[in-house]
């Protein structure tokens, strides 16, 4: 009985050894730089912005400021903008809801109402967050300037 257990155990070990050797070979041939390059080569959308910060300089309280953020899909798959969060009720954001093809451009239009009751006079900085299906799924945009009486 002991002899059979020994034979079965040795046979089982003999079956495992080739698997262990191939796992060791695979680990020794793993190249992190190559893996990173393969990961970058995956087909994805990529959001590139011409400018992330736009200035409207100085405007009078009560004016409506209109600015455009231009973007490009530098990826290989269509880019979808899911949502853009503005900083407050004084801002309206418009963008094309259609997919942006690879190498195509689009724009995000921001309207800022300086007459909004909660808005104070002086320097303003509004941050918007763009959510998309891109490799860089979150991008921050900034609108800044000075509101005077």
N, C-alpha and C. Protein backbone atom coordinates (compact mmCIF):
# COMPACT_ATOMS: atom_id res chain seq x y z
N UNK A 1 0.82 -1.19 0.00
CA UNK A 1 0.00 0.00 0.00
C UNK A 1 0.87 1.26 0.00
N UNK A 2 1.92 1.26 0.80
CA UNK A 2 2.82 2.41 0.87
C UNK A 2 3.54 2.57 -0.46
N UNK A 3 3.89 1.48 -1.08
CA UNK A 3 4.58 1.55 -2.36
C UNK A 3 3.68 2.20 -3.41
N UNK A 4 2.39 1.83 -3.42
CA UNK A 4 1.47 2.42 -4.39
C UNK A 4 1.27 3.91 -4.16
N UNK A 5 1.20 4.33 -2.89
CA UNK A 5 1.08 5.76 -2.58
C UNK A 5 2.31 6.50 -3.08
N UNK A 6 3.47 5.93 -2.88
CA UNK A 6 4.71 6.56 -3.33
C UNK A 6 4.72 6.66 -4.85
N UNK A 7 4.31 5.63 -5.53
CA UNK A 7 4.29 5.63 -6.99
C UNK A 7 3.29 6.66 -7.50
N UNK A 8 2.13 6.73 -6.88
CA UNK A 8 1.11 7.70 -7.31
C UNK A 8 1.60 9.11 -7.04
N UNK A 9 2.20 9.35 -5.89
CA UNK A 9 2.71 10.69 -5.54
C UNK A 9 3.80 11.10 -6.52
N UNK A 10 4.76 10.20 -6.81
CA UNK A 10 5.82 10.52 -7.75
C UNK A 10 5.27 10.77 -9.15
N UNK A 11 4.29 10.00 -9.54
CA UNK A 11 3.67 10.19 -10.85
C UNK A 11 2.99 11.56 -10.92
N UNK A 12 2.32 11.94 -9.86
CA UNK A 12 1.65 13.23 -9.81
C UNK A 12 2.67 14.36 -9.89
N UNK A 13 3.76 14.25 -9.15
CA UNK A 13 4.82 15.25 -9.18
C UNK A 13 5.43 15.34 -10.56
N UNK A 14 5.61 14.20 -11.20
CA UNK A 14 6.18 14.16 -12.54
C UNK A 14 5.29 14.92 -13.53
N UNK A 15 3.98 14.88 -13.32
CA UNK A 15 3.05 15.61 -14.18
C UNK A 15 3.12 17.12 -13.95
N UNK A 16 3.41 17.53 -12.72
CA UNK A 16 3.46 18.95 -12.39
C UNK A 16 4.74 19.63 -12.85
N UNK A 17 5.85 18.92 -12.85
CA UNK A 17 7.15 19.52 -13.16
C UNK A 17 7.15 20.22 -14.51
N UNK A 18 6.68 19.62 -15.60
CA UNK A 18 6.70 20.35 -16.88
C UNK A 18 5.90 21.65 -16.82
N UNK A 19 4.77 21.67 -16.12
CA UNK A 19 3.98 22.89 -15.97
C UNK A 19 4.72 23.96 -15.21
N UNK A 20 5.45 23.59 -14.20
CA UNK A 20 6.24 24.54 -13.43
C UNK A 20 7.35 25.12 -14.27
N UNK A 21 7.98 24.29 -15.06
CA UNK A 21 9.06 24.77 -15.90
C UNK A 21 8.55 25.77 -16.94
N UNK A 22 7.41 25.50 -17.55
CA UNK A 22 6.90 26.44 -18.54
C UNK A 22 6.46 27.75 -17.89
N UNK A 23 5.96 27.73 -16.67
CA UNK A 23 5.61 28.96 -15.96
C UNK A 23 6.85 29.76 -15.65
N UNK A 24 7.95 29.07 -15.28
CA UNK A 24 9.20 29.77 -15.01
C UNK A 24 9.76 30.38 -16.29
N UNK A 25 9.66 29.65 -17.40
CA UNK A 25 10.13 30.19 -18.67
C UNK A 25 9.33 31.43 -19.05
N UNK A 26 8.02 31.38 -18.87
CA UNK A 26 7.17 32.53 -19.21
C UNK A 26 7.53 33.73 -18.34
N UNK A 27 7.79 33.50 -17.07
CA UNK A 27 8.15 34.60 -16.17
C UNK A 27 9.49 35.19 -16.56
N UNK A 28 10.42 34.35 -17.01
CA UNK A 28 11.74 34.87 -17.35
C UNK A 28 11.73 35.63 -18.67
N UNK A 29 10.73 35.40 -19.55
CA UNK A 29 10.67 36.11 -20.82
C UNK A 29 9.74 37.33 -20.77
N UNK A 30 9.14 37.62 -19.63
CA UNK A 30 8.24 38.77 -19.50
C UNK A 30 9.06 40.05 -19.58
N UNK A 31 8.66 40.95 -20.44
CA UNK A 31 9.35 42.22 -20.63
C UNK A 31 8.35 43.34 -20.34
N UNK A 32 8.52 44.07 -19.22
CA UNK A 32 7.56 45.12 -18.87
C UNK A 32 7.44 46.21 -19.94
N UNK A 33 8.54 46.58 -20.56
CA UNK A 33 8.49 47.62 -21.59
C UNK A 33 7.66 47.16 -22.79
N UNK A 34 7.81 45.91 -23.15
CA UNK A 34 7.04 45.36 -24.27
C UNK A 34 5.56 45.29 -23.91
N UNK A 35 5.27 44.91 -22.68
CA UNK A 35 3.87 44.84 -22.24
C UNK A 35 3.24 46.22 -22.25
N UNK A 36 3.98 47.25 -21.83
CA UNK A 36 3.47 48.62 -21.84
C UNK A 36 3.22 49.08 -23.27
N UNK A 37 4.12 48.76 -24.17
CA UNK A 37 3.96 49.13 -25.57
C UNK A 37 2.72 48.46 -26.16
N UNK A 38 2.49 47.21 -25.82
CA UNK A 38 1.31 46.50 -26.31
C UNK A 38 0.05 47.14 -25.74
N UNK A 39 0.10 47.55 -24.47
CA UNK A 39 -1.05 48.19 -23.85
C UNK A 39 -1.36 49.52 -24.54
N UNK A 40 -0.32 50.29 -24.89
CA UNK A 40 -0.53 51.56 -25.57
C UNK A 40 -1.09 51.36 -26.98
N UNK A 41 -0.78 50.20 -27.56
CA UNK A 41 -1.23 49.92 -28.92
C UNK A 41 -2.69 49.49 -28.97
N UNK A 42 -3.31 49.25 -27.82
CA UNK A 42 -4.72 48.86 -27.80
C UNK A 42 -5.54 49.96 -28.45
N UNK A 43 -6.56 49.60 -29.14
CA UNK A 43 -7.37 50.59 -29.84
C UNK A 43 -8.30 51.27 -28.84
N UNK A 44 -8.08 52.56 -28.66
CA UNK A 44 -8.89 53.35 -27.75
C UNK A 44 -9.05 54.77 -28.29
N UNK A 45 -10.01 55.48 -27.74
CA UNK A 45 -10.16 56.90 -28.02
C UNK A 45 -9.22 57.66 -27.08
N UNK A 46 -8.76 58.82 -27.53
CA UNK A 46 -7.91 59.65 -26.66
C UNK A 46 -8.27 61.11 -26.87
N UNK A 47 -8.58 61.78 -25.77
CA UNK A 47 -9.01 63.18 -25.78
C UNK A 47 -7.79 64.08 -25.66
N UNK A 48 -7.58 64.94 -26.66
CA UNK A 48 -6.51 65.93 -26.62
C UNK A 48 -7.14 67.31 -26.72
N UNK A 49 -6.74 68.20 -25.84
CA UNK A 49 -7.30 69.55 -25.81
C UNK A 49 -6.28 70.55 -26.35
N UNK A 50 -6.75 71.52 -27.15
CA UNK A 50 -5.86 72.56 -27.65
C UNK A 50 -5.39 73.40 -26.47
N UNK A 51 -6.33 73.82 -25.62
CA UNK A 51 -6.01 74.58 -24.39
C UNK A 51 -6.91 74.07 -23.28
N UNK A 52 -6.35 73.93 -22.08
CA UNK A 52 -7.14 73.51 -20.93
C UNK A 52 -7.59 74.70 -20.10
N UNK A 53 -6.98 75.86 -20.32
CA UNK A 53 -7.32 77.07 -19.58
C UNK A 53 -7.62 78.17 -20.59
N UNK A 54 -8.79 78.79 -20.47
CA UNK A 54 -9.16 79.92 -21.33
C UNK A 54 -9.44 81.12 -20.44
N UNK A 55 -9.02 82.29 -20.89
CA UNK A 55 -9.25 83.52 -20.13
C UNK A 55 -10.21 84.41 -20.90
N UNK A 56 -11.17 85.01 -20.18
CA UNK A 56 -12.07 85.96 -20.81
C UNK A 56 -11.70 87.39 -20.43
N UNK A 57 -10.51 87.56 -19.87
CA UNK A 57 -9.98 88.87 -19.50
C UNK A 57 -10.93 89.60 -18.54
N UNK A 58 -11.31 90.86 -18.85
CA UNK A 58 -12.17 91.64 -17.96
C UNK A 58 -13.51 91.90 -18.64
N UNK A 59 -14.60 91.62 -17.91
CA UNK A 59 -15.95 91.88 -18.42
C UNK A 59 -16.76 92.59 -17.34
N UNK A 60 -17.84 93.23 -17.75
CA UNK A 60 -18.73 93.90 -16.79
C UNK A 60 -19.72 92.91 -16.22
N UNK A 61 -20.09 93.12 -14.95
CA UNK A 61 -21.11 92.28 -14.33
C UNK A 61 -22.40 92.43 -15.13
N UNK A 62 -23.01 91.32 -15.48
CA UNK A 62 -24.22 91.32 -16.30
C UNK A 62 -23.96 90.80 -17.71
N UNK A 63 -22.69 90.79 -18.13
CA UNK A 63 -22.35 90.26 -19.45
C UNK A 63 -22.43 88.74 -19.45
N UNK A 64 -22.66 88.19 -20.62
CA UNK A 64 -22.58 86.75 -20.79
C UNK A 64 -21.33 86.46 -21.61
N UNK A 65 -20.47 85.66 -21.05
CA UNK A 65 -19.20 85.32 -21.69
C UNK A 65 -19.38 83.99 -22.42
N UNK A 66 -18.90 83.96 -23.66
CA UNK A 66 -18.94 82.72 -24.45
C UNK A 66 -17.49 82.37 -24.82
N UNK A 67 -17.11 81.15 -24.48
CA UNK A 67 -15.77 80.65 -24.82
C UNK A 67 -15.89 79.25 -25.42
N UNK A 68 -14.91 78.86 -26.21
CA UNK A 68 -14.90 77.55 -26.84
C UNK A 68 -13.61 76.81 -26.49
N UNK A 69 -13.78 75.59 -26.02
CA UNK A 69 -12.65 74.69 -25.81
C UNK A 69 -12.64 73.74 -27.01
N UNK A 70 -11.52 73.65 -27.70
CA UNK A 70 -11.42 72.76 -28.86
C UNK A 70 -10.71 71.49 -28.47
N UNK A 71 -11.24 70.38 -28.96
CA UNK A 71 -10.65 69.09 -28.63
C UNK A 71 -10.50 68.25 -29.89
N UNK A 72 -9.63 67.25 -29.77
CA UNK A 72 -9.37 66.34 -30.89
C UNK A 72 -9.28 64.92 -30.36
N UNK A 73 -9.80 63.99 -31.12
CA UNK A 73 -9.67 62.57 -30.79
C UNK A 73 -8.38 62.08 -31.45
N UNK A 74 -7.33 61.93 -30.67
CA UNK A 74 -6.05 61.45 -31.20
C UNK A 74 -5.91 59.94 -31.06
N UNK A 75 -7.00 59.27 -30.70
CA UNK A 75 -6.99 57.82 -30.56
C UNK A 75 -7.39 57.13 -31.86
N UNK A 76 -7.65 55.85 -31.74
CA UNK A 76 -7.99 55.04 -32.91
C UNK A 76 -9.45 54.59 -32.94
N UNK A 77 -10.20 54.93 -31.92
CA UNK A 77 -11.62 54.57 -31.82
C UNK A 77 -12.45 55.83 -31.62
N UNK A 78 -13.75 55.83 -31.93
CA UNK A 78 -14.59 57.01 -31.72
C UNK A 78 -14.60 57.46 -30.26
N UNK A 79 -14.57 58.76 -30.06
CA UNK A 79 -14.57 59.36 -28.73
C UNK A 79 -15.98 59.81 -28.38
N UNK A 80 -16.45 59.42 -27.20
CA UNK A 80 -17.77 59.83 -26.72
C UNK A 80 -17.60 60.68 -25.47
N UNK A 81 -18.20 61.86 -25.46
CA UNK A 81 -18.22 62.71 -24.27
C UNK A 81 -19.52 62.37 -23.55
N UNK A 82 -19.41 61.73 -22.40
CA UNK A 82 -20.59 61.32 -21.66
C UNK A 82 -21.25 62.47 -20.94
N UNK A 83 -20.43 63.28 -20.30
CA UNK A 83 -20.98 64.33 -19.44
C UNK A 83 -19.90 65.37 -19.18
N UNK A 84 -20.35 66.60 -18.94
CA UNK A 84 -19.44 67.67 -18.53
C UNK A 84 -20.08 68.34 -17.33
N UNK A 85 -19.36 68.36 -16.22
CA UNK A 85 -19.86 69.00 -15.00
C UNK A 85 -19.31 70.41 -14.90
N UNK A 86 -20.22 71.37 -14.73
CA UNK A 86 -19.82 72.75 -14.52
C UNK A 86 -19.76 73.06 -13.03
N UNK A 87 -19.24 74.21 -12.71
CA UNK A 87 -19.04 74.56 -11.31
C UNK A 87 -20.27 75.12 -10.61
N UNK A 88 -21.24 75.70 -11.36
CA UNK A 88 -22.38 76.32 -10.70
C UNK A 88 -23.53 76.51 -11.67
N UNK A 89 -24.60 77.15 -11.19
CA UNK A 89 -25.79 77.42 -12.01
C UNK A 89 -25.57 78.56 -13.00
N UNK A 90 -24.48 79.28 -12.87
CA UNK A 90 -24.21 80.43 -13.73
C UNK A 90 -23.57 80.03 -15.05
N UNK A 91 -23.37 78.74 -15.26
CA UNK A 91 -22.66 78.26 -16.45
C UNK A 91 -23.55 77.29 -17.23
N UNK A 92 -23.55 77.45 -18.55
CA UNK A 92 -24.22 76.51 -19.45
C UNK A 92 -23.14 75.93 -20.35
N UNK A 93 -23.21 74.64 -20.55
CA UNK A 93 -22.21 73.96 -21.36
C UNK A 93 -22.91 73.23 -22.50
N UNK A 94 -22.39 73.42 -23.70
CA UNK A 94 -22.95 72.76 -24.88
C UNK A 94 -21.83 72.00 -25.57
N UNK A 95 -22.14 70.79 -26.04
CA UNK A 95 -21.17 70.03 -26.82
C UNK A 95 -21.91 69.09 -27.74
N UNK A 96 -21.25 68.66 -28.78
CA UNK A 96 -21.84 67.74 -29.74
C UNK A 96 -21.93 66.37 -29.09
N UNK A 97 -23.12 65.81 -29.05
CA UNK A 97 -23.34 64.52 -28.39
C UNK A 97 -22.96 63.33 -29.28
N UNK A 98 -22.66 63.60 -30.54
CA UNK A 98 -22.26 62.54 -31.46
C UNK A 98 -20.83 62.11 -31.19
N UNK A 99 -20.49 60.88 -31.56
CA UNK A 99 -19.13 60.38 -31.40
C UNK A 99 -18.17 61.18 -32.29
N UNK A 100 -16.98 61.40 -31.77
CA UNK A 100 -15.94 62.13 -32.50
C UNK A 100 -15.01 61.07 -33.10
N UNK A 101 -14.93 61.04 -34.41
CA UNK A 101 -14.13 60.04 -35.11
C UNK A 101 -12.63 60.24 -34.82
N UNK A 102 -11.83 59.21 -34.98
CA UNK A 102 -10.38 59.36 -34.82
C UNK A 102 -9.85 60.48 -35.73
N UNK A 103 -8.98 61.32 -35.18
CA UNK A 103 -8.36 62.47 -35.85
C UNK A 103 -9.34 63.61 -36.15
N UNK A 104 -10.58 63.50 -35.71
CA UNK A 104 -11.55 64.58 -35.91
C UNK A 104 -11.52 65.53 -34.72
N UNK A 105 -12.03 66.74 -34.93
CA UNK A 105 -12.07 67.75 -33.87
C UNK A 105 -13.51 68.10 -33.55
N UNK A 106 -13.69 68.70 -32.39
CA UNK A 106 -15.00 69.15 -31.94
C UNK A 106 -14.78 70.31 -30.98
N UNK A 107 -15.85 70.88 -30.49
CA UNK A 107 -15.70 71.97 -29.52
C UNK A 107 -16.71 71.84 -28.40
N UNK A 108 -16.32 72.41 -27.28
CA UNK A 108 -17.19 72.54 -26.12
C UNK A 108 -17.41 74.03 -25.94
N UNK A 109 -18.68 74.44 -25.94
CA UNK A 109 -19.00 75.86 -25.76
C UNK A 109 -19.45 76.09 -24.33
N UNK A 110 -18.86 77.11 -23.71
CA UNK A 110 -19.20 77.46 -22.33
C UNK A 110 -19.78 78.86 -22.32
N UNK A 111 -20.97 79.00 -21.75
CA UNK A 111 -21.60 80.31 -21.54
C UNK A 111 -21.60 80.60 -20.05
N UNK A 112 -21.06 81.75 -19.68
CA UNK A 112 -20.95 82.13 -18.27
C UNK A 112 -21.74 83.42 -18.06
N UNK A 113 -22.77 83.35 -17.22
CA UNK A 113 -23.63 84.49 -16.93
C UNK A 113 -23.09 85.21 -15.70
N UNK A 114 -22.46 86.36 -15.93
CA UNK A 114 -21.87 87.11 -14.82
C UNK A 114 -22.92 87.84 -13.99
N UNK A 115 -24.18 87.87 -14.46
CA UNK A 115 -25.25 88.55 -13.71
C UNK A 115 -25.94 87.62 -12.73
N UNK A 116 -25.55 86.37 -12.69
CA UNK A 116 -26.20 85.41 -11.79
C UNK A 116 -26.14 85.96 -10.36
N UNK A 117 -27.25 85.89 -9.59
CA UNK A 117 -27.31 86.47 -8.25
C UNK A 117 -26.21 85.97 -7.30
N UNK A 118 -25.77 84.75 -7.47
CA UNK A 118 -24.76 84.22 -6.55
C UNK A 118 -23.33 84.62 -6.95
N UNK A 119 -23.19 85.26 -8.12
CA UNK A 119 -21.85 85.62 -8.58
C UNK A 119 -21.41 86.95 -7.97
N UNK A 120 -20.18 86.94 -7.52
CA UNK A 120 -19.59 88.16 -6.95
C UNK A 120 -18.69 88.81 -8.00
N UNK A 121 -18.39 90.07 -7.77
CA UNK A 121 -17.48 90.78 -8.67
C UNK A 121 -16.05 90.45 -8.24
N UNK A 122 -15.18 90.33 -9.19
CA UNK A 122 -13.75 90.10 -9.01
C UNK A 122 -13.32 88.90 -9.85
N UNK A 123 -12.15 88.45 -9.60
CA UNK A 123 -11.58 87.36 -10.39
C UNK A 123 -12.41 86.10 -10.25
N UNK A 124 -12.64 85.43 -11.36
CA UNK A 124 -13.43 84.20 -11.37
C UNK A 124 -12.62 83.08 -11.98
N UNK A 125 -12.80 81.91 -11.45
CA UNK A 125 -12.16 80.71 -11.99
C UNK A 125 -13.17 79.58 -11.93
N UNK A 126 -13.60 79.13 -13.07
CA UNK A 126 -14.60 78.06 -13.16
C UNK A 126 -13.92 76.80 -13.70
N UNK A 127 -14.14 75.70 -13.03
CA UNK A 127 -13.55 74.42 -13.43
C UNK A 127 -14.66 73.50 -13.92
N UNK A 128 -14.41 72.86 -15.04
CA UNK A 128 -15.35 71.91 -15.62
C UNK A 128 -14.65 70.57 -15.75
N UNK A 129 -15.37 69.52 -15.52
CA UNK A 129 -14.78 68.18 -15.66
C UNK A 129 -15.49 67.45 -16.79
N UNK A 130 -14.71 66.97 -17.74
CA UNK A 130 -15.22 66.25 -18.90
C UNK A 130 -15.05 64.76 -18.64
N UNK A 131 -16.14 64.00 -18.78
CA UNK A 131 -16.09 62.55 -18.61
C UNK A 131 -16.32 61.90 -19.98
N UNK A 132 -15.43 60.98 -20.37
CA UNK A 132 -15.53 60.37 -21.70
C UNK A 132 -15.07 58.91 -21.66
N UNK A 133 -15.12 58.28 -22.82
CA UNK A 133 -14.66 56.89 -22.95
C UNK A 133 -13.18 56.83 -23.34
N UNK A 134 -12.47 57.91 -23.25
CA UNK A 134 -11.07 57.98 -23.69
C UNK A 134 -10.14 57.25 -22.72
N UNK A 135 -8.93 57.03 -23.21
CA UNK A 135 -7.89 56.45 -22.36
C UNK A 135 -7.68 57.34 -21.14
N UNK A 136 -7.81 58.65 -21.33
CA UNK A 136 -7.79 59.64 -20.24
C UNK A 136 -9.23 60.06 -20.01
N UNK A 137 -9.99 59.31 -19.18
CA UNK A 137 -11.45 59.49 -19.11
C UNK A 137 -11.92 60.76 -18.41
N UNK A 138 -11.06 61.44 -17.70
CA UNK A 138 -11.44 62.67 -16.99
C UNK A 138 -10.45 63.76 -17.31
N UNK A 139 -10.95 64.89 -17.78
CA UNK A 139 -10.10 66.05 -18.07
C UNK A 139 -10.72 67.27 -17.41
N UNK A 140 -9.87 68.14 -16.87
CA UNK A 140 -10.36 69.38 -16.26
C UNK A 140 -10.10 70.55 -17.19
N UNK A 141 -11.12 71.39 -17.34
CA UNK A 141 -11.03 72.61 -18.12
C UNK A 141 -11.24 73.79 -17.18
N UNK A 142 -10.56 74.89 -17.45
CA UNK A 142 -10.65 76.06 -16.57
C UNK A 142 -11.01 77.29 -17.40
N UNK A 143 -11.99 78.05 -16.92
CA UNK A 143 -12.37 79.33 -17.49
C UNK A 143 -12.08 80.38 -16.43
N UNK A 144 -11.28 81.38 -16.78
CA UNK A 144 -10.92 82.37 -15.76
C UNK A 144 -10.96 83.78 -16.34
N UNK A 145 -11.09 84.75 -15.45
CA UNK A 145 -11.12 86.14 -15.84
C UNK A 145 -11.56 87.03 -14.68
N UNK A 146 -11.85 88.29 -15.02
CA UNK A 146 -12.22 89.26 -13.99
C UNK A 146 -13.56 89.90 -14.34
N UNK A 147 -14.45 89.94 -13.38
CA UNK A 147 -15.76 90.57 -13.54
C UNK A 147 -15.75 91.86 -12.72
N UNK A 148 -16.11 93.00 -13.38
CA UNK A 148 -16.11 94.29 -12.68
C UNK A 148 -17.52 94.90 -12.74
N UNK A 149 -17.76 95.95 -11.93
CA UNK A 149 -19.05 96.66 -11.95
C UNK A 149 -19.16 97.50 -13.17
